[in-house]
Amino acid sequence: MLPRAWLRSLAVGLSLSLGTCAESLATMRWLWTGIQSQTETVAEPDFDIGETRRTLARTEADAWGTALPKIEEEQAVALPAGTLDKPRWTWRERPAAEQSRE
């Protein structure tokens, strides 16, 4: 009778241990999958930012250094340095001219 009681306790203990291990492994896999998908999601904008920076550099090169800032609540055009003798406004140490509304 005594060996049979030990055998039953051993079987219950082993099944509980295996169940706990299987549940832990399933939880770890679920968490790992979530972390991996979040990592991939975070890594995606890096490519978009790089492409945006390249596009901005090409646009600035094509525009010959002009910009469209808002100065004193007026829309202006910032020109390359040295293009105006006495500018009314300056923007980042560059001459700026008021945009026409026409």
Protein backbone atom coordinates (compact mmCIF):
# COMPACT_ATOMS: atom_id res chain seq x y z
CA MET A 1 0.00 0.00 0.00
CA LEU A 2 2.82 2.41 0.82
CA PRO A 3 4.60 2.15 -2.56
CA ARG A 4 1.31 2.82 -4.36
CA ALA A 5 0.71 6.04 -2.36
CA TRP A 6 4.22 7.26 -3.23
CA LEU A 7 3.65 6.42 -6.86
CA ARG A 8 0.41 8.42 -6.95
CA SER A 9 2.06 11.41 -5.24
CA LEU A 10 5.00 11.16 -7.61
CA ALA A 11 2.69 11.11 -10.66
CA VAL A 12 0.70 14.11 -9.41
CA GLY A 13 3.88 16.03 -8.60
CA LEU A 14 5.45 15.28 -11.98
CA SER A 15 2.31 16.23 -13.89
CA LEU A 16 2.05 19.51 -11.97
CA SER A 17 5.74 20.23 -12.61
CA LEU A 18 5.42 19.46 -16.32
CA GLY A 19 2.27 21.58 -16.56
CA THR A 20 4.01 24.50 -14.87
CA CYS A 21 7.04 24.18 -17.16
CA ALA A 22 4.85 23.98 -20.27
CA GLU A 23 2.84 27.01 -19.15
CA SER A 24 6.04 28.94 -18.42
CA LEU A 25 7.44 28.09 -21.85
CA ALA A 26 4.21 29.14 -23.55
CA THR A 27 4.19 32.43 -21.62
CA MET A 28 7.85 33.08 -22.48
CA ARG A 29 7.17 32.42 -26.17
CA TRP A 30 4.15 34.73 -26.13
CA LEU A 31 6.17 37.50 -24.45
CA TRP A 32 9.09 37.00 -26.83
CA THR A 33 6.79 37.29 -29.84
CA GLY A 34 5.34 40.55 -28.46
CA ILE A 35 8.79 42.00 -27.79
CA GLN A 36 10.00 41.01 -31.25
CA SER A 37 7.02 42.64 -32.97
CA GLN A 38 7.51 45.83 -30.92
CA THR A 39 11.20 45.89 -31.85
CA GLU A 40 10.33 45.59 -35.54
CA THR A 41 7.73 48.34 -35.19
CA VAL A 42 10.23 50.68 -33.54
CA ALA A 43 12.89 49.95 -36.16
CA GLU A 44 10.63 50.87 -39.10
CA PRO A 45 10.67 54.69 -38.68
CA ASP A 46 14.49 54.73 -38.86
CA PHE A 47 14.28 53.96 -42.57
CA ASP A 48 11.59 56.60 -43.10
CA ILE A 49 13.64 59.25 -41.26
CA GLY A 50 16.71 58.47 -43.34
CA GLU A 51 14.76 58.72 -46.58
CA THR A 52 13.17 61.98 -45.42
CA ARG A 53 16.58 63.46 -44.62
CA ARG A 54 17.88 62.50 -48.06
CA THR A 55 14.81 64.05 -49.70
CA LEU A 56 15.25 67.23 -47.67
CA ALA A 57 18.92 67.47 -48.67
CA ARG A 58 17.99 67.06 -52.36
CA THR A 59 15.24 69.68 -52.05
CA GLU A 60 17.55 72.18 -50.34
CA ALA A 61 20.17 71.64 -53.04
CA ASP A 62 17.57 72.18 -55.77
CA ALA A 63 16.20 75.32 -54.06
CA TRP A 64 19.67 76.97 -53.96
CA GLY A 65 19.37 77.64 -50.24
CA THR A 66 16.03 79.46 -50.26
CA ALA A 67 13.50 78.90 -47.48
CA LEU A 68 9.98 80.11 -46.66
CA PRO A 69 10.04 81.25 -43.00
CA LYS A 70 7.38 83.25 -41.15
CA ILE A 71 8.94 86.49 -39.85
CA GLU A 72 6.95 88.94 -37.72
CA GLU A 73 3.73 87.12 -38.69
CA GLU A 74 4.49 87.73 -42.38
CA GLN A 75 5.41 85.06 -44.90
CA ALA A 76 8.89 85.71 -46.28
CA VAL A 77 11.45 84.21 -48.63
CA ALA A 78 14.92 83.66 -47.19
CA LEU A 79 17.53 84.02 -49.91
CA PRO A 80 21.13 82.85 -50.11
CA ALA A 81 23.66 85.07 -48.33
CA GLY A 82 24.82 88.08 -50.34
CA THR A 83 21.80 88.39 -52.64
CA LEU A 84 20.33 91.60 -51.11
CA ASP A 85 22.33 94.67 -50.02
CA LYS A 86 19.97 96.09 -47.37
CA PRO A 87 17.35 93.50 -46.47
CA ARG A 88 14.37 94.47 -44.32
CA TRP A 89 14.55 91.14 -42.51
CA THR A 90 17.17 88.52 -41.88
CA TRP A 91 16.58 84.88 -41.12
CA ARG A 92 19.43 82.80 -39.72
CA GLU A 93 21.87 85.50 -40.88
CA ARG A 94 20.50 85.38 -44.43
CA PRO A 95 18.56 88.16 -46.20
CA ALA A 96 14.82 87.72 -46.41
CA ALA A 97 12.19 89.43 -48.55
CA GLU A 98 8.44 89.68 -48.02
CA GLN A 99 6.32 87.42 -50.21
CA SER A 100 3.81 89.13 -52.44
CA ARG A 101 0.17 88.23 -51.84
CA GLU A 102 -0.67 88.65 -55.53
